[in-house]
C-alpha cells in the first residue's frame, strides 16, 4: 500500500493524488499536484492523499 499524505504537506513527486477517507477508503476524487507544492485541503476532516498516478515525464531526474 502507498504512503498516505496529509493536506498541507509538500508533494514528493508530481502527479495525480487520490483523496482517501478517514478509514483508508477511496473517495473517487483526485487532485493534480506538482512536486514541491503543498497538498490542498480535503473536502472533509480526517481525509488524506495517496499517489494514484505519477507524472510520466523526465522532470526532476538526473540526466547523464
N, C-alpha and C. Protein backbone atom coordinates (compact mmCIF):
# COMPACT_ATOMS: atom_id res chain seq x y z
N UNK A 1 0.84 -1.17 0.00
CA UNK A 1 0.00 0.00 0.00
C UNK A 1 0.89 1.24 0.00
N UNK A 2 0.47 2.28 -0.72
CA UNK A 2 1.24 3.51 -0.83
C UNK A 2 1.16 4.32 0.46
N UNK A 3 2.15 5.17 0.63
CA UNK A 3 2.18 6.04 1.79
C UNK A 3 1.06 7.07 1.70
N UNK A 4 0.49 7.41 2.82
CA UNK A 4 -0.56 8.41 2.86
C UNK A 4 0.03 9.75 3.24
N UNK A 5 -0.49 10.82 2.62
CA UNK A 5 -0.02 12.18 2.87
C UNK A 5 -1.17 13.00 3.42
N UNK A 6 -0.85 13.99 4.25
CA UNK A 6 -1.86 14.86 4.84
C UNK A 6 -1.93 16.18 4.08
N UNK A 7 -3.09 16.84 4.11
CA UNK A 7 -3.18 18.16 3.49
C UNK A 7 -2.16 19.11 4.14
N UNK A 8 -1.54 19.95 3.32
CA UNK A 8 -0.53 20.87 3.83
C UNK A 8 0.89 20.36 3.70
N UNK A 9 1.08 19.06 3.49
CA UNK A 9 2.42 18.51 3.27
C UNK A 9 2.89 18.84 1.86
N UNK A 10 4.19 18.85 1.66
CA UNK A 10 4.74 19.07 0.32
C UNK A 10 4.65 17.76 -0.47
N UNK A 11 4.28 17.88 -1.74
CA UNK A 11 4.16 16.71 -2.61
C UNK A 11 5.57 16.22 -2.97
N UNK A 12 5.88 14.94 -2.73
CA UNK A 12 7.21 14.41 -3.05
C UNK A 12 7.46 14.23 -4.54
N UNK A 13 6.41 13.99 -5.32
CA UNK A 13 6.51 13.82 -6.77
C UNK A 13 5.29 14.48 -7.42
N UNK A 14 5.42 14.83 -8.69
CA UNK A 14 4.29 15.38 -9.43
C UNK A 14 3.36 14.27 -9.86
N UNK A 15 2.07 14.55 -9.89
CA UNK A 15 1.13 13.56 -10.37
C UNK A 15 -0.27 13.76 -9.83
N UNK A 16 -1.08 12.73 -10.00
CA UNK A 16 -2.46 12.72 -9.51
C UNK A 16 -2.47 12.12 -8.11
N UNK A 17 -3.07 12.84 -7.18
CA UNK A 17 -3.19 12.37 -5.80
C UNK A 17 -4.65 12.09 -5.52
N UNK A 18 -4.92 10.86 -5.11
CA UNK A 18 -6.28 10.42 -4.83
C UNK A 18 -6.63 10.79 -3.39
N UNK A 19 -7.84 11.30 -3.19
CA UNK A 19 -8.30 11.60 -1.84
C UNK A 19 -8.79 10.30 -1.22
N UNK A 20 -8.35 10.05 0.01
CA UNK A 20 -8.77 8.83 0.73
C UNK A 20 -9.51 9.23 2.00
N UNK A 21 -10.45 8.41 2.38
CA UNK A 21 -11.27 8.67 3.56
C UNK A 21 -10.53 8.40 4.86
N UNK A 22 -11.18 8.69 5.99
CA UNK A 22 -10.56 8.51 7.30
C UNK A 22 -10.15 7.06 7.61
N UNK A 23 -10.85 6.09 7.00
CA UNK A 23 -10.51 4.69 7.23
C UNK A 23 -9.72 4.09 6.07
N UNK A 24 -9.24 4.94 5.16
CA UNK A 24 -8.41 4.46 4.06
C UNK A 24 -9.14 4.13 2.78
N UNK A 25 -10.44 4.33 2.74
CA UNK A 25 -11.22 4.04 1.54
C UNK A 25 -11.07 5.11 0.48
N UNK A 26 -11.32 4.73 -0.76
CA UNK A 26 -11.22 5.67 -1.88
C UNK A 26 -12.42 6.60 -1.90
N UNK A 27 -12.17 7.89 -2.12
CA UNK A 27 -13.25 8.87 -2.20
C UNK A 27 -13.69 9.11 -3.64
N UNK A 28 -12.91 8.63 -4.61
CA UNK A 28 -13.29 8.79 -6.01
C UNK A 28 -12.91 10.13 -6.60
N UNK A 29 -12.11 10.90 -5.92
CA UNK A 29 -11.66 12.20 -6.42
C UNK A 29 -10.15 12.24 -6.45
N UNK A 30 -9.62 13.05 -7.37
CA UNK A 30 -8.17 13.22 -7.48
C UNK A 30 -7.82 14.68 -7.63
N UNK A 31 -6.62 15.03 -7.24
CA UNK A 31 -6.09 16.38 -7.41
C UNK A 31 -4.74 16.27 -8.11
N UNK A 32 -4.46 17.18 -9.02
CA UNK A 32 -3.17 17.22 -9.69
C UNK A 32 -2.27 18.17 -8.90
N UNK A 33 -1.10 17.66 -8.49
CA UNK A 33 -0.18 18.46 -7.69
C UNK A 33 1.23 18.32 -8.27
N UNK A 34 1.95 19.43 -8.34
CA UNK A 34 3.31 19.45 -8.83
C UNK A 34 4.27 19.24 -7.65
N UNK A 35 5.35 18.52 -7.89
CA UNK A 35 6.33 18.23 -6.84
C UNK A 35 6.76 19.53 -6.14
N UNK A 36 6.78 19.50 -4.82
CA UNK A 36 7.21 20.65 -4.03
C UNK A 36 6.07 21.57 -3.61
N UNK A 37 4.90 21.48 -4.25
CA UNK A 37 3.75 22.27 -3.85
C UNK A 37 3.07 21.60 -2.66
N UNK A 38 2.33 22.39 -1.89
CA UNK A 38 1.62 21.80 -0.75
C UNK A 38 0.33 21.16 -1.25
N UNK A 39 -0.04 20.06 -0.60
CA UNK A 39 -1.29 19.37 -0.94
C UNK A 39 -2.45 20.22 -0.44
N UNK A 40 -3.50 20.39 -1.26
CA UNK A 40 -4.62 21.25 -0.87
C UNK A 40 -5.49 20.64 0.23
N UNK A 41 -6.35 21.46 0.84
CA UNK A 41 -7.27 20.93 1.85
C UNK A 41 -8.20 19.88 1.25
N UNK A 42 -8.63 18.94 2.06
CA UNK A 42 -9.56 17.91 1.62
C UNK A 42 -10.99 18.37 1.91
N UNK A 43 -11.98 17.75 1.28
CA UNK A 43 -13.36 18.18 1.50
C UNK A 43 -13.93 17.86 2.88
N UNK A 44 -13.25 17.07 3.66
CA UNK A 44 -13.75 16.73 4.99
C UNK A 44 -12.62 16.42 5.96
N UNK A 45 -12.91 16.40 7.25
CA UNK A 45 -11.88 16.12 8.25
C UNK A 45 -11.43 14.66 8.22
N UNK A 46 -10.18 14.43 8.58
CA UNK A 46 -9.65 13.08 8.68
C UNK A 46 -9.27 12.44 7.36
N UNK A 47 -9.37 13.17 6.28
CA UNK A 47 -9.02 12.62 4.97
C UNK A 47 -7.59 12.95 4.61
N UNK A 48 -7.05 12.22 3.65
CA UNK A 48 -5.68 12.44 3.22
C UNK A 48 -5.53 12.14 1.74
N UNK A 49 -4.28 11.95 1.32
CA UNK A 49 -3.98 11.71 -0.09
C UNK A 49 -3.08 10.49 -0.25
N UNK A 50 -3.19 9.87 -1.41
CA UNK A 50 -2.33 8.76 -1.82
C UNK A 50 -2.00 8.99 -3.30
N UNK A 51 -0.77 8.68 -3.70
CA UNK A 51 -0.39 8.86 -5.11
C UNK A 51 -1.14 7.84 -5.96
N UNK A 52 -1.90 8.34 -6.93
CA UNK A 52 -2.67 7.47 -7.82
C UNK A 52 -1.93 7.25 -9.13
N UNK A 53 -1.31 8.32 -9.66
CA UNK A 53 -0.64 8.22 -10.95
C UNK A 53 0.45 9.28 -11.03
N UNK A 54 1.69 8.83 -11.08
CA UNK A 54 2.81 9.77 -11.21
C UNK A 54 2.86 10.36 -12.60
N UNK A 55 3.38 11.59 -12.69
CA UNK A 55 3.56 12.23 -13.99
C UNK A 55 4.60 11.46 -14.78
N UNK A 56 4.33 11.22 -16.05
CA UNK A 56 5.21 10.42 -16.88
C UNK A 56 6.09 11.30 -17.75
N UNK A 57 7.00 12.03 -17.12
CA UNK A 57 7.98 12.81 -17.84
C UNK A 57 9.32 12.72 -17.10
N UNK A 58 10.34 13.30 -17.63
CA UNK A 58 11.66 13.15 -17.03
C UNK A 58 12.06 14.35 -16.18
N UNK A 59 11.12 15.22 -15.83
CA UNK A 59 11.47 16.35 -15.00
C UNK A 59 11.90 15.87 -13.62
N UNK A 60 12.97 16.44 -13.14
CA UNK A 60 13.45 16.08 -11.82
C UNK A 60 14.40 14.89 -11.80
N UNK A 61 14.61 14.23 -12.92
CA UNK A 61 15.53 13.10 -12.97
C UNK A 61 16.91 13.59 -13.35
N UNK A 62 17.93 12.93 -12.85
CA UNK A 62 19.30 13.28 -13.22
C UNK A 62 19.57 12.86 -14.66
N UNK A 63 20.16 13.74 -15.40
CA UNK A 63 20.49 13.42 -16.79
C UNK A 63 21.95 13.03 -16.88
N UNK A 64 22.25 12.08 -17.74
CA UNK A 64 23.63 11.61 -17.90
C UNK A 64 24.24 12.17 -19.14
